[in-house]
Amino acid sequence: MLHSLALLSTSLISVHQAATLTGTSGPTARCLLDVLVHAHLMERVSPHYYRFHGFIGIYAAECAQREPQADRDLMLATG
């Protein structure tokens, strides 16, 4: 999920965006985002919005760029 979220070109990520991008429900996406928060990889900035913690977003974006282009395109097309 971390790499998928890094493909979004926004600093704030909504629960809805995360759910759409990962093909999950809103409650499932919120639960997954909260796991990332507890691991100090993301932070919750409001009840419905999250952002990467510190330099994690840069790292996640670099990792996402290593994914095959077809996979990245598919994730963004479904999101």
PDB file of N, CA and C in Angstrom:
ATOM      1  N   MET A   1       0.822  -1.190   0.000  1.00  0.00           N
ATOM      2  CA  MET A   1       0.000   0.000   0.000  1.00  0.00           C
ATOM      3  C   MET A   1       0.868   1.257   0.000  1.00  0.00           C
ATOM      4  N   LEU A   2       1.973   1.227   0.708  1.00  0.00           N
ATOM      5  CA  LEU A   2       2.837   2.399   0.818  1.00  0.00           C
ATOM      6  C   LEU A   2       3.313   2.863  -0.554  1.00  0.00           C
ATOM      7  N   HIS A   3       3.762   1.923  -1.383  1.00  0.00           N
ATOM      8  CA  HIS A   3       4.244   2.287  -2.715  1.00  0.00           C
ATOM      9  C   HIS A   3       3.103   2.815  -3.573  1.00  0.00           C
ATOM     10  N   SER A   4       1.946   2.206  -3.464  1.00  0.00           N
ATOM     11  CA  SER A   4       0.789   2.654  -4.246  1.00  0.00           C
ATOM     12  C   SER A   4       0.428   4.086  -3.906  1.00  0.00           C
ATOM     13  N   LEU A   5       0.407   4.412  -2.632  1.00  0.00           N
ATOM     14  CA  LEU A   5       0.050   5.768  -2.212  1.00  0.00           C
ATOM     15  C   LEU A   5       1.057   6.790  -2.705  1.00  0.00           C
ATOM     16  N   ALA A   6       2.312   6.373  -2.846  1.00  0.00           N
ATOM     17  CA  ALA A   6       3.348   7.296  -3.305  1.00  0.00           C
ATOM     18  C   ALA A   6       3.164   7.686  -4.770  1.00  0.00           C
ATOM     19  N   LEU A   7       2.369   6.926  -5.515  1.00  0.00           N
ATOM     20  CA  LEU A   7       2.112   7.264  -6.914  1.00  0.00           C
ATOM     21  C   LEU A   7       1.172   8.464  -7.052  1.00  0.00           C
ATOM     22  N   LEU A   8       0.447   8.778  -5.992  1.00  0.00           N
ATOM     23  CA  LEU A   8      -0.457   9.924  -6.047  1.00  0.00           C
ATOM     24  C   LEU A   8       0.360  11.213  -6.027  1.00  0.00           C
ATOM     25  N   SER A   9      -0.070  12.164  -6.796  1.00  0.00           N
ATOM     26  CA  SER A   9       0.676  13.432  -6.871  1.00  0.00           C
ATOM     27  C   SER A   9       0.049  14.470  -5.945  1.00  0.00           C
ATOM     28  N   THR A  10      -0.054  14.099  -4.680  1.00  0.00           N
ATOM     29  CA  THR A  10      -0.629  14.990  -3.695  1.00  0.00           C
ATOM     30  C   THR A  10       0.045  14.752  -2.352  1.00  0.00           C
ATOM     31  N   SER A  11       0.096  15.776  -1.532  1.00  0.00           N
ATOM     32  CA  SER A  11       0.725  15.594  -0.220  1.00  0.00           C
ATOM     33  C   SER A  11      -0.259  15.041   0.802  1.00  0.00           C
ATOM     34  N   LEU A  12      -1.540  15.342   0.625  1.00  0.00           N
ATOM     35  CA  LEU A  12      -2.569  14.794   1.511  1.00  0.00           C
ATOM     36  C   LEU A  12      -3.300  13.670   0.795  1.00  0.00           C
ATOM     37  N   ILE A  13      -3.472  12.565   1.486  1.00  0.00           N
ATOM     38  CA  ILE A  13      -4.125  11.396   0.906  1.00  0.00           C
ATOM     39  C   ILE A  13      -5.393  11.129   1.699  1.00  0.00           C
ATOM     40  N   SER A  14      -6.512  11.135   1.010  1.00  0.00           N
ATOM     41  CA  SER A  14      -7.787  10.885   1.692  1.00  0.00           C
ATOM     42  C   SER A  14      -8.011   9.380   1.824  1.00  0.00           C
ATOM     43  N   VAL A  15      -8.864   9.031   2.758  1.00  0.00           N
ATOM     44  CA  VAL A  15      -9.237   7.623   2.930  1.00  0.00           C
ATOM     45  C   VAL A  15      -9.874   7.124   1.632  1.00  0.00           C
ATOM     46  N   HIS A  16     -10.692   7.960   1.010  1.00  0.00           N
ATOM     47  CA  HIS A  16     -11.351   7.575  -0.243  1.00  0.00           C
ATOM     48  C   HIS A  16     -10.323   7.292  -1.343  1.00  0.00           C
ATOM     49  N   GLN A  17      -9.308   8.157  -1.480  1.00  0.00           N
ATOM     50  CA  GLN A  17      -8.255   7.934  -2.475  1.00  0.00           C
ATOM     51  C   GLN A  17      -7.523   6.626  -2.203  1.00  0.00           C
ATOM     52  N   ALA A  18      -7.192   6.391  -0.951  1.00  0.00           N
ATOM     53  CA  ALA A  18      -6.478   5.165  -0.590  1.00  0.00           C
ATOM     54  C   ALA A  18      -7.325   3.935  -0.894  1.00  0.00           C
ATOM     55  N   ALA A  19      -8.609   4.004  -0.601  1.00  0.00           N
ATOM     56  CA  ALA A  19      -9.507   2.882  -0.869  1.00  0.00           C
ATOM     57  C   ALA A  19      -9.607   2.618  -2.363  1.00  0.00           C
ATOM     58  N   THR A  20      -9.760   3.677  -3.138  1.00  0.00           N
ATOM     59  CA  THR A  20      -9.878   3.527  -4.583  1.00  0.00           C
ATOM     60  C   THR A  20      -8.589   2.976  -5.183  1.00  0.00           C
ATOM     61  N   LEU A  21      -7.467   3.512  -4.763  1.00  0.00           N
ATOM     62  CA  LEU A  21      -6.181   3.100  -5.310  1.00  0.00           C
ATOM     63  C   LEU A  21      -5.856   1.649  -4.995  1.00  0.00           C
ATOM     64  N   THR A  22      -6.231   1.211  -3.815  1.00  0.00           N
ATOM     65  CA  THR A  22      -5.894  -0.155  -3.400  1.00  0.00           C
ATOM     66  C   THR A  22      -7.024  -1.157  -3.624  1.00  0.00           C
ATOM     67  N   GLY A  23      -8.170  -0.676  -4.106  1.00  0.00           N
ATOM     68  CA  GLY A  23      -9.283  -1.579  -4.380  1.00  0.00           C
ATOM     69  C   GLY A  23      -9.916  -2.162  -3.137  1.00  0.00           C
ATOM     70  N   THR A  24      -9.927  -1.374  -2.059  1.00  0.00           N
ATOM     71  CA  THR A  24     -10.529  -1.832  -0.806  1.00  0.00           C
ATOM     72  C   THR A  24     -11.683  -0.920  -0.430  1.00  0.00           C
ATOM     73  N   SER A  25     -12.366  -1.277   0.622  1.00  0.00           N
ATOM     74  CA  SER A  25     -13.442  -0.425   1.139  1.00  0.00           C
ATOM     75  C   SER A  25     -12.833   0.717   1.954  1.00  0.00           C
ATOM     76  N   GLY A  26     -13.646   1.720   2.235  1.00  0.00           N
ATOM     77  CA  GLY A  26     -13.191   2.840   3.061  1.00  0.00           C
ATOM     78  C   GLY A  26     -12.711   2.393   4.438  1.00  0.00           C
ATOM     79  N   PRO A  27     -13.499   1.587   5.153  1.00  0.00           N
ATOM     80  CA  PRO A  27     -13.047   1.139   6.474  1.00  0.00           C
ATOM     81  C   PRO A  27     -11.757   0.320   6.435  1.00  0.00           C
ATOM     82  N   THR A  28     -11.606  -0.500   5.408  1.00  0.00           N
ATOM     83  CA  THR A  28     -10.375  -1.284   5.281  1.00  0.00           C
ATOM     84  C   THR A  28      -9.188  -0.373   4.998  1.00  0.00           C
ATOM     85  N   ALA A  29      -9.390   0.600   4.104  1.00  0.00           N
ATOM     86  CA  ALA A  29      -8.313   1.542   3.789  1.00  0.00           C
ATOM     87  C   ALA A  29      -7.910   2.331   5.030  1.00  0.00           C
ATOM     88  N   ARG A  30      -8.901   2.761   5.816  1.00  0.00           N
ATOM     89  CA  ARG A  30      -8.599   3.506   7.048  1.00  0.00           C
ATOM     90  C   ARG A  30      -7.788   2.634   8.007  1.00  0.00           C
ATOM     91  N   CYS A  31      -8.154   1.379   8.119  1.00  0.00           N
ATOM     92  CA  CYS A  31      -7.432   0.450   9.003  1.00  0.00           C
ATOM     93  C   CYS A  31      -5.986   0.289   8.521  1.00  0.00           C
ATOM     94  N   LEU A  32      -5.803   0.128   7.214  1.00  0.00           N
ATOM     95  CA  LEU A  32      -4.448  -0.015   6.659  1.00  0.00           C
ATOM     96  C   LEU A  32      -3.637   1.262   6.851  1.00  0.00           C
ATOM     97  N   LEU A  33      -4.267   2.410   6.655  1.00  0.00           N
ATOM     98  CA  LEU A  33      -3.578   3.681   6.885  1.00  0.00           C
ATOM     99  C   LEU A  33      -3.180   3.818   8.355  1.00  0.00           C
ATOM    100  N   ASP A  34      -4.062   3.393   9.245  1.00  0.00           N
ATOM    101  CA  ASP A  34      -3.750   3.478  10.672  1.00  0.00           C
ATOM    102  C   ASP A  34      -2.591   2.554  11.058  1.00  0.00           C
ATOM    103  N   VAL A  35      -2.468   1.418  10.376  1.00  0.00           N
ATOM    104  CA  VAL A  35      -1.312   0.541  10.599  1.00  0.00           C
ATOM    105  C   VAL A  35      -0.031   1.291  10.222  1.00  0.00           C
ATOM    106  N   LEU A  36      -0.078   2.011   9.091  1.00  0.00           N
ATOM    107  CA  LEU A  36       1.085   2.800   8.673  1.00  0.00           C
ATOM    108  C   LEU A  36       1.371   3.937   9.652  1.00  0.00           C
ATOM    109  N   VAL A  37       0.325   4.509  10.227  1.00  0.00           N
ATOM    110  CA  VAL A  37       0.507   5.560  11.243  1.00  0.00           C
ATOM    111  C   VAL A  37       1.194   4.991  12.472  1.00  0.00           C
ATOM    112  N   HIS A  38       0.736   3.833  12.930  1.00  0.00           N
ATOM    113  CA  HIS A  38       1.324   3.227  14.129  1.00  0.00           C
ATOM    114  C   HIS A  38       2.772   2.800  13.897  1.00  0.00           C
ATOM    115  N   ALA A  39       3.123   2.550  12.629  1.00  0.00           N
ATOM    116  CA  ALA A  39       4.508   2.198  12.286  1.00  0.00           C
ATOM    117  C   ALA A  39       5.347   3.448  12.018  1.00  0.00           C
ATOM    118  N   HIS A  40       4.751   4.622  12.210  1.00  0.00           N
ATOM    119  CA  HIS A  40       5.422   5.917  12.012  1.00  0.00           C
ATOM    120  C   HIS A  40       5.848   6.152  10.562  1.00  0.00           C
ATOM    121  N   LEU A  41       5.080   5.591   9.630  1.00  0.00           N
ATOM    122  CA  LEU A  41       5.347   5.798   8.210  1.00  0.00           C
ATOM    123  C   LEU A  41       4.439   6.882   7.627  1.00  0.00           C
ATOM    124  N   MET A  42       3.281   7.050   8.254  1.00  0.00           N
ATOM    125  CA  MET A  42       2.336   8.092   7.842  1.00  0.00           C
ATOM    126  C   MET A  42       1.820   8.768   9.097  1.00  0.00           C
ATOM    127  N   GLU A  43       1.212   9.921   8.904  1.00  0.00           N
ATOM    128  CA  GLU A  43       0.573  10.600  10.021  1.00  0.00           C
ATOM    129  C   GLU A  43      -0.819  11.036   9.614  1.00  0.00           C
ATOM    130  N   ARG A  44      -1.734  10.985  10.573  1.00  0.00           N
ATOM    131  CA  ARG A  44      -3.105  11.427  10.327  1.00  0.00           C
ATOM    132  C   ARG A  44      -3.151  12.920  10.597  1.00  0.00           C
ATOM    133  N   VAL A  45      -3.633  13.681   9.601  1.00  0.00           N
ATOM    134  CA  VAL A  45      -3.700  15.136   9.759  1.00  0.00           C
ATOM    135  C   VAL A  45      -5.118  15.614  10.031  1.00  0.00           C
ATOM    136  N   SER A  46      -6.092  14.763   9.771  1.00  0.00           N
ATOM    137  CA  SER A  46      -7.495  15.040  10.095  1.00  0.00           C
ATOM    138  C   SER A  46      -8.214  13.695  10.074  1.00  0.00           C
ATOM    139  N   PRO A  47      -9.465  13.666  10.443  1.00  0.00           N
ATOM    140  CA  PRO A  47     -10.155  12.367  10.464  1.00  0.00           C
ATOM    141  C   PRO A  47     -10.166  11.617   9.127  1.00  0.00           C
ATOM    142  N   HIS A  48     -10.051  12.338   8.024  1.00  0.00           N
ATOM    143  CA  HIS A  48     -10.151  11.683   6.725  1.00  0.00           C
ATOM    144  C   HIS A  48      -8.905  11.824   5.851  1.00  0.00           C
ATOM    145  N   TYR A  49      -7.855  12.459   6.369  1.00  0.00           N
ATOM    146  CA  TYR A  49      -6.656  12.704   5.556  1.00  0.00           C
ATOM    147  C   TYR A  49      -5.378  12.283   6.272  1.00  0.00           C
ATOM    148  N   TYR A  50      -4.463  11.768   5.475  1.00  0.00           N
ATOM    149  CA  TYR A  50      -3.169  11.294   5.966  1.00  0.00           C
ATOM    150  C   TYR A  50      -2.074  11.872   5.073  1.00  0.00           C
ATOM    151  N   ARG A  51      -0.844  11.833   5.561  1.00  0.00           N
ATOM    152  CA  ARG A  51       0.308  12.189   4.735  1.00  0.00           C
ATOM    153  C   ARG A  51       1.491  11.359   5.205  1.00  0.00           C
ATOM    154  N   PHE A  52       2.490  11.268   4.307  1.00  0.00           N
ATOM    155  CA  PHE A  52       3.686  10.516   4.654  1.00  0.00           C
ATOM    156  C   PHE A  52       4.435  11.230   5.772  1.00  0.00           C
ATOM    157  N   HIS A  53       5.054  10.457   6.627  1.00  0.00           N
ATOM    158  CA  HIS A  53       5.827  10.983   7.746  1.00  0.00           C
ATOM    159  C   HIS A  53       7.252  11.248   7.272  1.00  0.00           C
ATOM    160  N   GLY A  54       7.708  12.476   7.424  1.00  0.00           N
ATOM    161  CA  GLY A  54       9.090  12.820   7.100  1.00  0.00           C
ATOM    162  C   GLY A  54       9.505  12.452   5.693  1.00  0.00           C
ATOM    163  N   PHE A  55      10.644  11.794   5.586  1.00  0.00           N
ATOM    164  CA  PHE A  55      11.198  11.429   4.286  1.00  0.00           C
ATOM    165  C   PHE A  55      10.630  10.122   3.738  1.00  0.00           C
ATOM    166  N   ILE A  56       9.686   9.541   4.433  1.00  0.00           N
ATOM    167  CA  ILE A  56       9.117   8.264   4.001  1.00  0.00           C
ATOM    168  C   ILE A  56       8.457   8.392   2.633  1.00  0.00           C
ATOM    169  N   GLY A  57       7.814   9.522   2.370  1.00  0.00           N
ATOM    170  CA  GLY A  57       7.169   9.724   1.072  1.00  0.00           C
ATOM    171  C   GLY A  57       8.159   9.674  -0.079  1.00  0.00           C
ATOM    172  N   ILE A  58       9.326  10.261   0.135  1.00  0.00           N
ATOM    173  CA  ILE A  58      10.367  10.239  -0.897  1.00  0.00           C
ATOM    174  C   ILE A  58      10.840   8.811  -1.124  1.00  0.00           C
ATOM    175  N   TYR A  59      11.077   8.096  -0.034  1.00  0.00           N
ATOM    176  CA  TYR A  59      11.507   6.703  -0.142  1.00  0.00           C
ATOM    177  C   TYR A  59      10.445   5.856  -0.841  1.00  0.00           C
ATOM    178  N   ALA A  60       9.193   6.022  -0.450  1.00  0.00           N
ATOM    179  CA  ALA A  60       8.105   5.244  -1.054  1.00  0.00           C
ATOM    180  C   ALA A  60       7.979   5.550  -2.543  1.00  0.00           C
ATOM    181  N   ALA A  61       8.141   6.818  -2.920  1.00  0.00           N
ATOM    182  CA  ALA A  61       8.070   7.193  -4.336  1.00  0.00           C
ATOM    183  C   ALA A  61       9.208   6.554  -5.128  1.00  0.00           C
ATOM    184  N   GLU A  62      10.405   6.520  -4.533  1.00  0.00           N
ATOM    185  CA  GLU A  62      11.535   5.873  -5.204  1.00  0.00           C
ATOM    186  C   GLU A  62      11.271   4.382  -5.384  1.00  0.00           C
ATOM    187  N   CYS A  63      10.708   3.754  -4.378  1.00  0.00           N
ATOM    188  CA  CYS A  63      10.377   2.327  -4.471  1.00  0.00           C
ATOM    189  C   CYS A  63       9.288   2.097  -5.522  1.00  0.00           C
ATOM    190  N   ALA A  64       8.308   2.971  -5.552  1.00  0.00           N
ATOM    191  CA  ALA A  64       7.220   2.838  -6.520  1.00  0.00           C
ATOM    192  C   ALA A  64       7.747   2.939  -7.945  1.00  0.00           C
ATOM    193  N   GLN A  65       8.761   3.767  -8.154  1.00  0.00           N
ATOM    194  CA  GLN A  65       9.326   3.922  -9.499  1.00  0.00           C
ATOM    195  C   GLN A  65      10.052   2.663  -9.963  1.00  0.00           C
ATOM    196  N   ARG A  66      10.393   1.795  -9.032  1.00  0.00           N
ATOM    197  CA  ARG A  66      11.053   0.531  -9.396  1.00  0.00           C
ATOM    198  C   ARG A  66      10.050  -0.524  -9.850  1.00  0.00           C
ATOM    199  N   GLU A  67       8.765  -0.270  -9.579  1.00  0.00           N
ATOM    200  CA  GLU A  67       7.727  -1.198 -10.026  1.00  0.00           C
ATOM    201  C   GLU A  67       7.631  -1.126 -11.549  1.00  0.00           C
ATOM    202  N   PRO A  68       7.282  -2.224 -12.209  1.00  0.00           N
ATOM    203  CA  PRO A  68       7.127  -2.175 -13.661  1.00  0.00           C
ATOM    204  C   PRO A  68       6.118  -1.094 -14.069  1.00  0.00           C
ATOM    205  N   GLN A  69       6.401  -0.427 -15.168  1.00  0.00           N
ATOM    206  CA  GLN A  69       5.542   0.665 -15.636  1.00  0.00           C
ATOM    207  C   GLN A  69       4.098   0.206 -15.802  1.00  0.00           C
ATOM    208  N   ALA A  70       3.899  -0.994 -16.322  1.00  0.00           N
ATOM    209  CA  ALA A  70       2.535  -1.502 -16.512  1.00  0.00           C
ATOM    210  C   ALA A  70       1.792  -1.595 -15.185  1.00  0.00           C
ATOM    211  N   ASP A  71       2.482  -2.017 -14.130  1.00  0.00           N
ATOM    212  CA  ASP A  71       1.857  -2.114 -12.811  1.00  0.00           C
ATOM    213  C   ASP A  71       1.494  -0.734 -12.274  1.00  0.00           C
ATOM    214  N   ARG A  72       2.403   0.233 -12.459  1.00  0.00           N
ATOM    215  CA  ARG A  72       2.125   1.602 -12.001  1.00  0.00           C
ATOM    216  C   ARG A  72       0.938   2.187 -12.756  1.00  0.00           C
ATOM    217  N   ASP A  73       0.915   1.977 -14.061  1.00  0.00           N
ATOM    218  CA  ASP A  73      -0.195   2.493 -14.857  1.00  0.00           C
ATOM    219  C   ASP A  73      -1.517   1.880 -14.433  1.00  0.00           C
ATOM    220  N   LEU A  74      -1.508   0.592 -14.144  1.00  0.00           N
ATOM    221  CA  LEU A  74      -2.726  -0.091 -13.720  1.00  0.00           C
ATOM    222  C   LEU A  74      -3.212   0.446 -12.380  1.00  0.00           C
ATOM    223  N   MET A  75      -2.292   0.648 -11.434  1.00  0.00           N
ATOM    224  CA  MET A  75      -2.691   1.186 -10.133  1.00  0.00           C
ATOM    225  C   MET A  75      -3.314   2.571 -10.279  1.00  0.00           C
ATOM    226  N   LEU A  76      -2.719   3.396 -11.123  1.00  0.00           N
ATOM    227  CA  LEU A  76      -3.236   4.760 -11.296  1.00  0.00           C
ATOM    228  C   LEU A  76      -4.535   4.762 -12.089  1.00  0.00           C
ATOM    229  N   ALA A  77      -4.689   3.832 -13.014  1.00  0.00           N
ATOM    230  CA  ALA A  77      -5.919   3.760 -13.812  1.00  0.00           C
ATOM    231  C   ALA A  77      -7.099   3.331 -12.961  1.00  0.00           C
ATOM    232  N   THR A  78      -6.854   2.419 -12.017  1.00  0.00           N
ATOM    233  CA  THR A  78      -7.939   1.961 -11.153  1.00  0.00           C
ATOM    234  C   THR A  78      -8.182   2.955 -10.032  1.00  0.00           C
ATOM    235  N   GLY A  79      -7.191   3.781  -9.714  1.00  0.00           N
ATOM    236  CA  GLY A  79      -7.331   4.772  -8.653  1.00  0.00           C
ATOM    237  C   GLY A  79      -7.869   6.008  -9.222  1.00  0.00           C
TER     238      GLY A  79
END
